[in-house]
Structure formats: C-alpha cells, structure tokens
Amino acid sequence: MYISTSMDDPRVPFWGVLKYVEKLRAKIKEPERIPEFLEKNICVRILDSGHFGPINIEDSIKERIWEMMWLDKMLIEKDNLLI
C-alpha cells in the first residue's frame, strides 16, 4: 500500500495521515484479519507540496515515476513469492 501526504497541505495535515498509518499497522499485526498482508507492505511518502500535488511539471513527473517504481517493485516481489 502506497500512501503519500504533503507537508504544506491545509486540508489533510501530514500528522493525520501518519496516525492513520499507525492504526493500519496495528490492525495488520493481528494475523487473523489480513494474513497475507505484512507491515512492510505500507509505504508512506511525505512530499513537499500542497493538497493537489507538486506545482511544477518536473516534480509531478518525478512523483509519478516514484509511484510506478514502487508498484513495479511490489509486483516483482509478488511474482517471486509465487514461484
């Protein structure tokens, strides 16, 4: 699970997102709820932007690349576990 938040977001403060992630990690530790999901599968990224993401196109592209890189890594790990 990839979760991103921003330091300068007036609508959703970053500490609120971090509290949500901690609650999510606490629920994951109970194996009968989500047995195949591990704590290490949660990635939180704090950006230096506002509510709607980066302002300039270069930072926006870098953010999309980072998301695709993370997704690719998760899919590769999943395939390796299935083999």
C-alpha atoms as a PDB file:
ATOM      1  CA  MET A   1       0.000   0.000   0.000  1.00  0.00           C
ATOM      2  CA  TYR A   2       1.416   3.346  -1.080  1.00  0.00           C
ATOM      3  CA  ILE A   3       0.284   6.402   0.885  1.00  0.00           C
ATOM      4  CA  SER A   4       1.531   9.889   0.145  1.00  0.00           C
ATOM      5  CA  THR A   5       0.944  13.096   2.066  1.00  0.00           C
ATOM      6  CA  SER A   6       2.182  16.652   1.864  1.00  0.00           C
ATOM      7  CA  MET A   7       3.832  18.903   4.407  1.00  0.00           C
ATOM      8  CA  ASP A   8       2.007  22.008   3.135  1.00  0.00           C
ATOM      9  CA  ASP A   9      -1.487  20.538   2.784  1.00  0.00           C
ATOM     10  CA  PRO A  10      -4.029  22.728   4.621  1.00  0.00           C
ATOM     11  CA  ARG A  11      -6.851  20.201   4.066  1.00  0.00           C
ATOM     12  CA  VAL A  12      -5.205  16.993   5.276  1.00  0.00           C
ATOM     13  CA  PRO A  13      -2.367  17.535   7.783  1.00  0.00           C
ATOM     14  CA  PHE A  14       0.520  15.086   7.447  1.00  0.00           C
ATOM     15  CA  TRP A  15       0.299  14.064  11.103  1.00  0.00           C
ATOM     16  CA  GLY A  16      -3.286  12.890  10.494  1.00  0.00           C
ATOM     17  CA  VAL A  17      -2.075  10.599   7.724  1.00  0.00           C
ATOM     18  CA  LEU A  18       0.689   9.260   9.967  1.00  0.00           C
ATOM     19  CA  LYS A  19      -1.858   8.500  12.712  1.00  0.00           C
ATOM     20  CA  TYR A  20      -3.941   6.616  10.132  1.00  0.00           C
ATOM     21  CA  VAL A  21      -0.903   4.584   9.077  1.00  0.00           C
ATOM     22  CA  GLU A  22      -0.151   3.669  12.698  1.00  0.00           C
ATOM     23  CA  LYS A  23      -3.733   2.445  13.185  1.00  0.00           C
ATOM     24  CA  LEU A  24      -3.490   0.466   9.964  1.00  0.00           C
ATOM     25  CA  ARG A  25      -0.222  -1.140  11.074  1.00  0.00           C
ATOM     26  CA  ALA A  26      -1.766  -2.064  14.414  1.00  0.00           C
ATOM     27  CA  LYS A  27      -4.637  -3.864  12.647  1.00  0.00           C
ATOM     28  CA  ILE A  28      -2.238  -5.681  10.341  1.00  0.00           C
ATOM     29  CA  LYS A  29      -0.366  -7.173  13.301  1.00  0.00           C
ATOM     30  CA  GLU A  30      -3.406  -9.318  14.031  1.00  0.00           C
ATOM     31  CA  PRO A  31      -2.818 -12.234  11.598  1.00  0.00           C
ATOM     32  CA  GLU A  32      -6.419 -13.410  11.504  1.00  0.00           C
ATOM     33  CA  ARG A  33      -7.573 -10.121   9.954  1.00  0.00           C
ATOM     34  CA  ILE A  34      -5.235  -9.851   6.968  1.00  0.00           C
ATOM     35  CA  PRO A  35      -2.909 -12.886   6.898  1.00  0.00           C
ATOM     36  CA  GLU A  36      -1.172 -12.201   3.579  1.00  0.00           C
ATOM     37  CA  PHE A  37      -0.506  -8.502   4.206  1.00  0.00           C
ATOM     38  CA  LEU A  38       2.660  -7.594   6.061  1.00  0.00           C
ATOM     39  CA  GLU A  39       3.680  -4.421   7.875  1.00  0.00           C
ATOM     40  CA  LYS A  40       6.481  -3.861   5.376  1.00  0.00           C
ATOM     41  CA  ASN A  41       3.944  -3.504   2.556  1.00  0.00           C
ATOM     42  CA  ILE A  42       2.974   0.003   3.724  1.00  0.00           C
ATOM     43  CA  CYS A  43       4.984   2.803   2.174  1.00  0.00           C
ATOM     44  CA  VAL A  44       4.443   6.378   3.376  1.00  0.00           C
ATOM     45  CA  ARG A  45       5.962   9.251   1.461  1.00  0.00           C
ATOM     46  CA  ILE A  46       5.837  12.828   2.721  1.00  0.00           C
ATOM     47  CA  LEU A  47       6.054  15.312  -0.126  1.00  0.00           C
ATOM     48  CA  ASP A  48       6.995  18.972  -0.131  1.00  0.00           C
ATOM     49  CA  SER A  49       3.865  20.143  -1.943  1.00  0.00           C
ATOM     50  CA  GLY A  50       0.248  21.102  -1.370  1.00  0.00           C
ATOM     51  CA  HIS A  51      -3.084  19.295  -1.452  1.00  0.00           C
ATOM     52  CA  PHE A  52      -3.138  18.845  -5.225  1.00  0.00           C
ATOM     53  CA  GLY A  53       0.462  17.669  -5.570  1.00  0.00           C
ATOM     54  CA  PRO A  54       3.552  19.336  -6.975  1.00  0.00           C
ATOM     55  CA  ILE A  55       3.182  22.709  -8.684  1.00  0.00           C
ATOM     56  CA  ASN A  56       5.760  22.323 -11.444  1.00  0.00           C
ATOM     57  CA  ILE A  57       5.765  19.623 -14.094  1.00  0.00           C
ATOM     58  CA  GLU A  58       9.232  18.247 -13.227  1.00  0.00           C
ATOM     59  CA  ASP A  59       8.262  17.445  -9.640  1.00  0.00           C
ATOM     60  CA  SER A  60       4.969  15.983 -10.815  1.00  0.00           C
ATOM     61  CA  ILE A  61       6.779  13.653 -13.225  1.00  0.00           C
ATOM     62  CA  LYS A  62       9.257  12.646 -10.508  1.00  0.00           C
ATOM     63  CA  GLU A  63       6.378  11.776  -8.202  1.00  0.00           C
ATOM     64  CA  ARG A  64       4.659   9.605 -10.840  1.00  0.00           C
ATOM     65  CA  ILE A  65       7.969   7.856 -11.567  1.00  0.00           C
ATOM     66  CA  TRP A  66       8.405   7.147  -7.860  1.00  0.00           C
ATOM     67  CA  GLU A  67       4.875   5.678  -7.651  1.00  0.00           C
ATOM     68  CA  MET A  68       5.427   3.471 -10.704  1.00  0.00           C
ATOM     69  CA  MET A  69       8.809   2.343  -9.352  1.00  0.00           C
ATOM     70  CA  TRP A  70       7.203   1.295  -6.063  1.00  0.00           C
ATOM     71  CA  LEU A  71       4.387  -0.504  -7.862  1.00  0.00           C
ATOM     72  CA  ASP A  72       6.874  -2.326 -10.083  1.00  0.00           C
ATOM     73  CA  LYS A  73       8.874  -3.423  -7.036  1.00  0.00           C
ATOM     74  CA  MET A  74       5.749  -4.771  -5.320  1.00  0.00           C
ATOM     75  CA  LEU A  75       4.704  -6.717  -8.425  1.00  0.00           C
ATOM     76  CA  ILE A  76       8.179  -8.221  -8.819  1.00  0.00           C
ATOM     77  CA  GLU A  77       8.202  -9.291  -5.163  1.00  0.00           C
ATOM     78  CA  LYS A  78       4.744 -10.829  -5.524  1.00  0.00           C
ATOM     79  CA  ASP A  79       5.839 -12.782  -8.602  1.00  0.00           C
ATOM     80  CA  ASN A  80       8.943 -14.032  -6.789  1.00  0.00           C
ATOM     81  CA  LEU A  81       6.822 -15.251  -3.879  1.00  0.00           C
ATOM     82  CA  LEU A  82       4.533 -17.178  -6.200  1.00  0.00           C
ATOM     83  CA  ILE A  83       7.386 -19.025  -7.942  1.00  0.00           C
END
